[in-house]
Amino acid sequence: MAAAAHGHTPAAWTGVVIAFVGFCVSGVAMIIPNVVLVIAGLAVVLIGGVVGKAMSMAGMGKQPSKNFAPATTEERSAVAAG
């Protein structure tokens, strides 16, 4: 996966860091029984996913490979017929 630069983008790193902080908050809140803080930590995890997706849609995610072109209709039909 590292050769394909999977996840090495600002969007991925930001989303993961925010989600990690949320998991840490929820984990600590479970040790000190605090239901409100557990829910707040889980909300932060969800926010991390939303932020990562929004950044990816804004162009900070993985860009399409220049070596890959979508198959044309003729190529797909030739493969299906073969």
PDB file of N, CA and C in Angstrom:
ATOM      1  N   MET A   1       0.798  -1.196   0.000  1.00  0.00           N
ATOM      2  CA  MET A   1       0.000   0.000   0.000  1.00  0.00           C
ATOM      3  C   MET A   1       0.848   1.271   0.000  1.00  0.00           C
ATOM      4  N   ALA A   2       2.009   1.233   0.602  1.00  0.00           N
ATOM      5  CA  ALA A   2       2.827   2.436   0.678  1.00  0.00           C
ATOM      6  C   ALA A   2       3.284   2.886  -0.705  1.00  0.00           C
ATOM      7  N   ALA A   3       3.483   1.934  -1.612  1.00  0.00           N
ATOM      8  CA  ALA A   3       3.919   2.304  -2.953  1.00  0.00           C
ATOM      9  C   ALA A   3       2.847   3.102  -3.683  1.00  0.00           C
ATOM     10  N   ALA A   4       1.596   2.884  -3.352  1.00  0.00           N
ATOM     11  CA  ALA A   4       0.503   3.602  -3.995  1.00  0.00           C
ATOM     12  C   ALA A   4       0.180   4.907  -3.276  1.00  0.00           C
ATOM     13  N   ALA A   5       0.961   5.275  -2.249  1.00  0.00           N
ATOM     14  CA  ALA A   5       0.746   6.489  -1.454  1.00  0.00           C
ATOM     15  C   ALA A   5      -0.650   6.497  -0.835  1.00  0.00           C
ATOM     16  N   HIS A   6      -1.089   5.339  -0.398  1.00  0.00           N
ATOM     17  CA  HIS A   6      -2.412   5.207   0.188  1.00  0.00           C
ATOM     18  C   HIS A   6      -2.467   5.914   1.536  1.00  0.00           C
ATOM     19  N   GLY A   7      -3.246   6.967   1.625  1.00  0.00           N
ATOM     20  CA  GLY A   7      -3.439   7.656   2.884  1.00  0.00           C
ATOM     21  C   GLY A   7      -2.405   8.702   3.236  1.00  0.00           C
ATOM     22  N   HIS A   8      -1.465   8.969   2.359  1.00  0.00           N
ATOM     23  CA  HIS A   8      -0.433   9.955   2.659  1.00  0.00           C
ATOM     24  C   HIS A   8      -0.841  11.323   2.119  1.00  0.00           C
ATOM     25  N   THR A   9      -1.962  11.828   2.614  1.00  0.00           N
ATOM     26  CA  THR A   9      -2.469  13.120   2.165  1.00  0.00           C
ATOM     27  C   THR A   9      -2.844  13.960   3.384  1.00  0.00           C
ATOM     28  N   PRO A  10      -2.909  15.275   3.221  1.00  0.00           N
ATOM     29  CA  PRO A  10      -3.339  16.119   4.344  1.00  0.00           C
ATOM     30  C   PRO A  10      -4.742  15.766   4.829  1.00  0.00           C
ATOM     31  N   ALA A  11      -5.630  15.399   3.917  1.00  0.00           N
ATOM     32  CA  ALA A  11      -6.999  15.049   4.316  1.00  0.00           C
ATOM     33  C   ALA A  11      -7.001  13.804   5.193  1.00  0.00           C
ATOM     34  N   ALA A  12      -6.235  12.796   4.803  1.00  0.00           N
ATOM     35  CA  ALA A  12      -6.191  11.551   5.569  1.00  0.00           C
ATOM     36  C   ALA A  12      -5.565  11.776   6.948  1.00  0.00           C
ATOM     37  N   TRP A  13      -4.443  12.478   6.983  1.00  0.00           N
ATOM     38  CA  TRP A  13      -3.780  12.713   8.259  1.00  0.00           C
ATOM     39  C   TRP A  13      -4.646  13.538   9.208  1.00  0.00           C
ATOM     40  N   THR A  14      -5.290  14.562   8.691  1.00  0.00           N
ATOM     41  CA  THR A  14      -6.132  15.405   9.541  1.00  0.00           C
ATOM     42  C   THR A  14      -7.305  14.618  10.102  1.00  0.00           C
ATOM     43  N   GLY A  15      -7.981  13.855   9.236  1.00  0.00           N
ATOM     44  CA  GLY A  15      -9.113  13.046   9.696  1.00  0.00           C
ATOM     45  C   GLY A  15      -8.705  12.028  10.738  1.00  0.00           C
ATOM     46  N   VAL A  16      -7.568  11.379  10.543  1.00  0.00           N
ATOM     47  CA  VAL A  16      -7.102  10.357  11.485  1.00  0.00           C
ATOM     48  C   VAL A  16      -6.699  10.980  12.814  1.00  0.00           C
ATOM     49  N   VAL A  17      -6.021  12.117  12.780  1.00  0.00           N
ATOM     50  CA  VAL A  17      -5.606  12.763  14.034  1.00  0.00           C
ATOM     51  C   VAL A  17      -6.825  13.204  14.841  1.00  0.00           C
ATOM     52  N   ILE A  18      -7.806  13.791  14.179  1.00  0.00           N
ATOM     53  CA  ILE A  18      -9.021  14.218  14.892  1.00  0.00           C
ATOM     54  C   ILE A  18      -9.745  13.008  15.470  1.00  0.00           C
ATOM     55  N   ALA A  19      -9.870  11.936  14.695  1.00  0.00           N
ATOM     56  CA  ALA A  19     -10.540  10.731  15.181  1.00  0.00           C
ATOM     57  C   ALA A  19      -9.762  10.098  16.341  1.00  0.00           C
ATOM     58  N   PHE A  20      -8.427  10.116  16.258  1.00  0.00           N
ATOM     59  CA  PHE A  20      -7.611   9.561  17.336  1.00  0.00           C
ATOM     60  C   PHE A  20      -7.831  10.323  18.640  1.00  0.00           C
ATOM     61  N   VAL A  21      -7.909  11.635  18.559  1.00  0.00           N
ATOM     62  CA  VAL A  21      -8.170  12.439  19.753  1.00  0.00           C
ATOM     63  C   VAL A  21      -9.540  12.069  20.333  1.00  0.00           C
ATOM     64  N   GLY A  22     -10.532  11.888  19.458  1.00  0.00           N
ATOM     65  CA  GLY A  22     -11.853  11.482  19.933  1.00  0.00           C
ATOM     66  C   GLY A  22     -11.839  10.126  20.613  1.00  0.00           C
ATOM     67  N   PHE A  23     -11.091   9.162  20.051  1.00  0.00           N
ATOM     68  CA  PHE A  23     -10.974   7.851  20.684  1.00  0.00           C
ATOM     69  C   PHE A  23     -10.296   7.957  22.044  1.00  0.00           C
ATOM     70  N   CYS A  24      -9.277   8.789  22.131  1.00  0.00           N
ATOM     71  CA  CYS A  24      -8.582   8.971  23.412  1.00  0.00           C
ATOM     72  C   CYS A  24      -9.512   9.585  24.457  1.00  0.00           C
ATOM     73  N   VAL A  25     -10.267  10.584  24.065  1.00  0.00           N
ATOM     74  CA  VAL A  25     -11.214  11.216  24.988  1.00  0.00           C
ATOM     75  C   VAL A  25     -12.244  10.197  25.460  1.00  0.00           C
ATOM     76  N   SER A  26     -12.790   9.414  24.537  1.00  0.00           N
ATOM     77  CA  SER A  26     -13.782   8.400  24.912  1.00  0.00           C
ATOM     78  C   SER A  26     -13.176   7.331  25.812  1.00  0.00           C
ATOM     79  N   GLY A  27     -11.937   6.931  25.512  1.00  0.00           N
ATOM     80  CA  GLY A  27     -11.286   5.921  26.346  1.00  0.00           C
ATOM     81  C   GLY A  27     -11.070   6.387  27.767  1.00  0.00           C
ATOM     82  N   VAL A  28     -10.605   7.616  27.931  1.00  0.00           N
ATOM     83  CA  VAL A  28     -10.409   8.162  29.275  1.00  0.00           C
ATOM     84  C   VAL A  28     -11.753   8.322  29.982  1.00  0.00           C
ATOM     85  N   ALA A  29     -12.770   8.722  29.235  1.00  0.00           N
ATOM     86  CA  ALA A  29     -14.089   8.919  29.832  1.00  0.00           C
ATOM     87  C   ALA A  29     -14.711   7.606  30.283  1.00  0.00           C
ATOM     88  N   MET A  30     -14.327   6.494  29.648  1.00  0.00           N
ATOM     89  CA  MET A  30     -14.841   5.193  30.099  1.00  0.00           C
ATOM     90  C   MET A  30     -14.185   4.768  31.407  1.00  0.00           C
ATOM     91  N   ILE A  31     -12.924   5.160  31.593  1.00  0.00           N
ATOM     92  CA  ILE A  31     -12.230   4.803  32.825  1.00  0.00           C
ATOM     93  C   ILE A  31     -12.783   5.609  33.998  1.00  0.00           C
ATOM     94  N   ILE A  32     -12.991   6.910  33.775  1.00  0.00           N
ATOM     95  CA  ILE A  32     -13.666   7.725  34.787  1.00  0.00           C
ATOM     96  C   ILE A  32     -15.118   7.807  34.335  1.00  0.00           C
ATOM     97  N   PRO A  33     -15.974   6.999  34.861  1.00  0.00           N
ATOM     98  CA  PRO A  33     -17.325   6.845  34.299  1.00  0.00           C
ATOM     99  C   PRO A  33     -18.037   8.188  34.082  1.00  0.00           C
ATOM    100  N   ASN A  34     -17.953   8.667  32.842  1.00  0.00           N
ATOM    101  CA  ASN A  34     -18.573   9.928  32.479  1.00  0.00           C
ATOM    102  C   ASN A  34     -19.223   9.758  31.108  1.00  0.00           C
ATOM    103  N   VAL A  35     -20.511   9.513  31.111  1.00  0.00           N
ATOM    104  CA  VAL A  35     -21.232   9.208  29.880  1.00  0.00           C
ATOM    105  C   VAL A  35     -21.213  10.388  28.912  1.00  0.00           C
ATOM    106  N   VAL A  36     -21.330  11.587  29.409  1.00  0.00           N
ATOM    107  CA  VAL A  36     -21.353  12.772  28.549  1.00  0.00           C
ATOM    108  C   VAL A  36     -20.028  12.907  27.798  1.00  0.00           C
ATOM    109  N   LEU A  37     -18.930  12.647  28.483  1.00  0.00           N
ATOM    110  CA  LEU A  37     -17.622  12.750  27.847  1.00  0.00           C
ATOM    111  C   LEU A  37     -17.398  11.629  26.830  1.00  0.00           C
ATOM    112  N   VAL A  38     -17.948  10.440  27.082  1.00  0.00           N
ATOM    113  CA  VAL A  38     -17.866   9.353  26.094  1.00  0.00           C
ATOM    114  C   VAL A  38     -18.588   9.762  24.818  1.00  0.00           C
ATOM    115  N   ILE A  39     -19.779  10.302  24.965  1.00  0.00           N
ATOM    116  CA  ILE A  39     -20.559  10.726  23.799  1.00  0.00           C
ATOM    117  C   ILE A  39     -19.851  11.875  23.076  1.00  0.00           C
ATOM    118  N   ALA A  40     -19.259  12.789  23.831  1.00  0.00           N
ATOM    119  CA  ALA A  40     -18.514  13.893  23.211  1.00  0.00           C
ATOM    120  C   ALA A  40     -17.317  13.362  22.427  1.00  0.00           C
ATOM    121  N   GLY A  41     -16.611  12.380  22.975  1.00  0.00           N
ATOM    122  CA  GLY A  41     -15.487  11.782  22.267  1.00  0.00           C
ATOM    123  C   GLY A  41     -15.931  11.092  20.990  1.00  0.00           C
ATOM    124  N   LEU A  42     -17.048  10.379  21.024  1.00  0.00           N
ATOM    125  CA  LEU A  42     -17.568   9.732  19.830  1.00  0.00           C
ATOM    126  C   LEU A  42     -18.009  10.759  18.793  1.00  0.00           C
ATOM    127  N   ALA A  43     -18.521  11.885  19.244  1.00  0.00           N
ATOM    128  CA  ALA A  43     -18.886  12.959  18.318  1.00  0.00           C
ATOM    129  C   ALA A  43     -17.632  13.517  17.636  1.00  0.00           C
ATOM    130  N   VAL A  44     -16.539  13.611  18.381  1.00  0.00           N
ATOM    131  CA  VAL A  44     -15.283  14.089  17.796  1.00  0.00           C
ATOM    132  C   VAL A  44     -14.784  13.105  16.747  1.00  0.00           C
ATOM    133  N   VAL A  45     -14.956  11.800  16.996  1.00  0.00           N
ATOM    134  CA  VAL A  45     -14.575  10.789  16.003  1.00  0.00           C
ATOM    135  C   VAL A  45     -15.361  11.002  14.711  1.00  0.00           C
ATOM    136  N   LEU A  46     -16.646  11.213  14.828  1.00  0.00           N
ATOM    137  CA  LEU A  46     -17.484  11.460  13.642  1.00  0.00           C
ATOM    138  C   LEU A  46     -17.072  12.750  12.934  1.00  0.00           C
ATOM    139  N   ILE A  47     -16.760  13.762  13.700  1.00  0.00           N
ATOM    140  CA  ILE A  47     -16.311  15.032  13.108  1.00  0.00           C
ATOM    141  C   ILE A  47     -15.009  14.826  12.332  1.00  0.00           C
ATOM    142  N   GLY A  48     -14.129  13.972  12.840  1.00  0.00           N
ATOM    143  CA  GLY A  48     -12.890  13.668  12.137  1.00  0.00           C
ATOM    144  C   GLY A  48     -13.155  13.062  10.767  1.00  0.00           C
ATOM    145  N   GLY A  49     -14.134  12.171  10.681  1.00  0.00           N
ATOM    146  CA  GLY A  49     -14.498  11.587   9.389  1.00  0.00           C
ATOM    147  C   GLY A  49     -15.065  12.618   8.433  1.00  0.00           C
ATOM    148  N   VAL A  50     -15.893  13.486   8.950  1.00  0.00           N
ATOM    149  CA  VAL A  50     -16.494  14.532   8.117  1.00  0.00           C
ATOM    150  C   VAL A  50     -15.429  15.515   7.623  1.00  0.00           C
ATOM    151  N   VAL A  51     -14.525  15.904   8.509  1.00  0.00           N
ATOM    152  CA  VAL A  51     -13.463  16.840   8.126  1.00  0.00           C
ATOM    153  C   VAL A  51     -12.549  16.210   7.076  1.00  0.00           C
ATOM    154  N   GLY A  52     -12.182  14.943   7.275  1.00  0.00           N
ATOM    155  CA  GLY A  52     -11.336  14.257   6.302  1.00  0.00           C
ATOM    156  C   GLY A  52     -11.991  14.155   4.937  1.00  0.00           C
ATOM    157  N   LYS A  53     -13.273  13.821   4.913  1.00  0.00           N
ATOM    158  CA  LYS A  53     -13.998  13.726   3.640  1.00  0.00           C
ATOM    159  C   LYS A  53     -14.131  15.099   2.986  1.00  0.00           C
ATOM    160  N   ALA A  54     -14.421  16.127   3.774  1.00  0.00           N
ATOM    161  CA  ALA A  54     -14.554  17.478   3.224  1.00  0.00           C
ATOM    162  C   ALA A  54     -13.226  17.960   2.640  1.00  0.00           C
ATOM    163  N   MET A  55     -12.129  17.676   3.335  1.00  0.00           N
ATOM    164  CA  MET A  55     -10.818  18.075   2.813  1.00  0.00           C
ATOM    165  C   MET A  55     -10.481  17.305   1.542  1.00  0.00           C
ATOM    166  N   SER A  56     -10.862  16.039   1.500  1.00  0.00           N
ATOM    167  CA  SER A  56     -10.616  15.244   0.298  1.00  0.00           C
ATOM    168  C   SER A  56     -11.413  15.780  -0.884  1.00  0.00           C
ATOM    169  N   MET A  57     -12.645  16.162  -0.638  1.00  0.00           N
ATOM    170  CA  MET A  57     -13.478  16.726  -1.700  1.00  0.00           C
ATOM    171  C   MET A  57     -12.972  18.106  -2.131  1.00  0.00           C
ATOM    172  N   ALA A  58     -12.270  18.791  -1.232  1.00  0.00           N
ATOM    173  CA  ALA A  58     -11.716  20.110  -1.554  1.00  0.00           C
ATOM    174  C   ALA A  58     -10.393  20.012  -2.306  1.00  0.00           C
ATOM    175  N   GLY A  59      -9.945  18.800  -2.586  1.00  0.00           N
ATOM    176  CA  GLY A  59      -8.735  18.626  -3.373  1.00  0.00           C
ATOM    177  C   GLY A  59      -7.484  18.301  -2.585  1.00  0.00           C
ATOM    178  N   MET A  60      -7.613  18.081  -1.286  1.00  0.00           N
ATOM    179  CA  MET A  60      -6.443  17.774  -0.473  1.00  0.00           C
ATOM    180  C   MET A  60      -6.262  16.282  -0.248  1.00  0.00           C
ATOM    181  N   GLY A  61      -7.060  15.482  -0.951  1.00  0.00           N
ATOM    182  CA  GLY A  61      -6.951  14.031  -0.843  1.00  0.00           C
ATOM    183  C   GLY A  61      -6.108  13.464  -1.968  1.00  0.00           C
ATOM    184  N   LYS A  62      -6.178  12.167  -2.143  1.00  0.00           N
ATOM    185  CA  LYS A  62      -5.394  11.504  -3.191  1.00  0.00           C
ATOM    186  C   LYS A  62      -5.955  11.877  -4.551  1.00  0.00           C
ATOM    187  N   GLN A  63      -5.072  12.316  -5.425  1.00  0.00           N
ATOM    188  CA  GLN A  63      -5.470  12.684  -6.781  1.00  0.00           C
ATOM    189  C   GLN A  63      -5.500  11.440  -7.657  1.00  0.00           C
ATOM    190  N   PRO A  64      -6.331  11.431  -8.689  1.00  0.00           N
ATOM    191  CA  PRO A  64      -6.368  10.276  -9.589  1.00  0.00           C
ATOM    192  C   PRO A  64      -5.012  10.047 -10.251  1.00  0.00           C
ATOM    193  N   SER A  65      -4.689   8.790 -10.461  1.00  0.00           N
ATOM    194  CA  SER A  65      -3.420   8.436 -11.082  1.00  0.00           C
ATOM    195  C   SER A  65      -3.419   8.815 -12.555  1.00  0.00           C
ATOM    196  N   LYS A  66      -2.290   9.331 -13.016  1.00  0.00           N
ATOM    197  CA  LYS A  66      -2.165   9.677 -14.435  1.00  0.00           C
ATOM    198  C   LYS A  66      -1.957   8.436 -15.282  1.00  0.00           C
ATOM    199  N   ASN A  67      -1.622   7.312 -14.644  1.00  0.00           N
ATOM    200  CA  ASN A  67      -1.372   6.068 -15.360  1.00  0.00           C
ATOM    201  C   ASN A  67      -2.636   5.236 -15.551  1.00  0.00           C
ATOM    202  N   PHE A  68      -3.741   5.692 -15.006  1.00  0.00           N
ATOM    203  CA  PHE A  68      -4.978   4.939 -15.095  1.00  0.00           C
ATOM    204  C   PHE A  68      -6.020   5.752 -15.842  1.00  0.00           C
ATOM    205  N   ALA A  69      -6.556   5.170 -16.883  1.00  0.00           N
ATOM    206  CA  ALA A  69      -7.641   5.806 -17.622  1.00  0.00           C
ATOM    207  C   ALA A  69      -8.844   4.872 -17.563  1.00  0.00           C
ATOM    208  N   PRO A  70     -10.017   5.403 -17.316  1.00  0.00           N
ATOM    209  CA  PRO A  70     -11.192   4.539 -17.275  1.00  0.00           C
ATOM    210  C   PRO A  70     -11.382   3.815 -18.606  1.00  0.00           C
ATOM    211  N   ALA A  71     -11.864   2.612 -18.522  1.00  0.00           N
ATOM    212  CA  ALA A  71     -12.080   1.810 -19.729  1.00  0.00           C
ATOM    213  C   ALA A  71     -13.204   2.405 -20.566  1.00  0.00           C
ATOM    214  N   THR A  72     -12.998   2.386 -21.870  1.00  0.00           N
ATOM    215  CA  THR A  72     -14.042   2.874 -22.776  1.00  0.00           C
ATOM    216  C   THR A  72     -15.084   1.783 -22.964  1.00  0.00           C
ATOM    217  N   THR A  73     -16.196   2.120 -23.572  1.00  0.00           N
ATOM    218  CA  THR A  73     -17.263   1.154 -23.814  1.00  0.00           C
ATOM    219  C   THR A  73     -16.781   0.030 -24.720  1.00  0.00           C
ATOM    220  N   GLU A  74     -15.951   0.348 -25.708  1.00  0.00           N
ATOM    221  CA  GLU A  74     -15.437  -0.672 -26.613  1.00  0.00           C
ATOM    222  C   GLU A  74     -14.529  -1.653 -25.882  1.00  0.00           C
ATOM    223  N   GLU A  75     -13.694  -1.139 -24.990  1.00  0.00           N
ATOM    224  CA  GLU A  75     -12.798  -2.020 -24.240  1.00  0.00           C
ATOM    225  C   GLU A  75     -13.585  -2.936 -23.318  1.00  0.00           C
ATOM    226  N   ARG A  76     -14.624  -2.400 -22.666  1.00  0.00           N
ATOM    227  CA  ARG A  76     -15.444  -3.230 -21.783  1.00  0.00           C
ATOM    228  C   ARG A  76     -16.173  -4.318 -22.546  1.00  0.00           C
ATOM    229  N   SER A  77     -16.702  -3.981 -23.732  1.00  0.00           N
ATOM    230  CA  SER A  77     -17.421  -4.985 -24.505  1.00  0.00           C
ATOM    231  C   SER A  77     -16.472  -6.044 -25.058  1.00  0.00           C
ATOM    232  N   ALA A  78     -15.230  -5.650 -25.387  1.00  0.00           N
ATOM    233  CA  ALA A  78     -14.258  -6.623 -25.876  1.00  0.00           C
ATOM    234  C   ALA A  78     -13.867  -7.600 -24.783  1.00  0.00           C
ATOM    235  N   VAL A  79     -13.763  -7.121 -23.559  1.00  0.00           N
ATOM    236  CA  VAL A  79     -13.421  -7.996 -22.433  1.00  0.00           C
ATOM    237  C   VAL A  79     -14.591  -8.933 -22.135  1.00  0.00           C
ATOM    238  N   ALA A  80     -15.807  -8.412 -22.182  1.00  0.00           N
ATOM    239  CA  ALA A  80     -16.978  -9.240 -21.898  1.00  0.00           C
ATOM    240  C   ALA A  80     -17.183 -10.297 -22.978  1.00  0.00           C
ATOM    241  N   ALA A  81     -16.851  -9.986 -24.217  1.00  0.00           N
ATOM    242  CA  ALA A  81     -17.044 -10.926 -25.307  1.00  0.00           C
ATOM    243  C   ALA A  81     -15.948 -11.993 -25.310  1.00  0.00           C
ATOM    244  N   GLY A  82     -14.777 -11.664 -24.762  1.00  0.00           N
ATOM    245  CA  GLY A  82     -13.620 -12.547 -24.803  1.00  0.00           C
ATOM    246  C   GLY A  82     -13.730 -13.655 -23.876  1.00  0.00           C
TER     247      GLY A  82
END
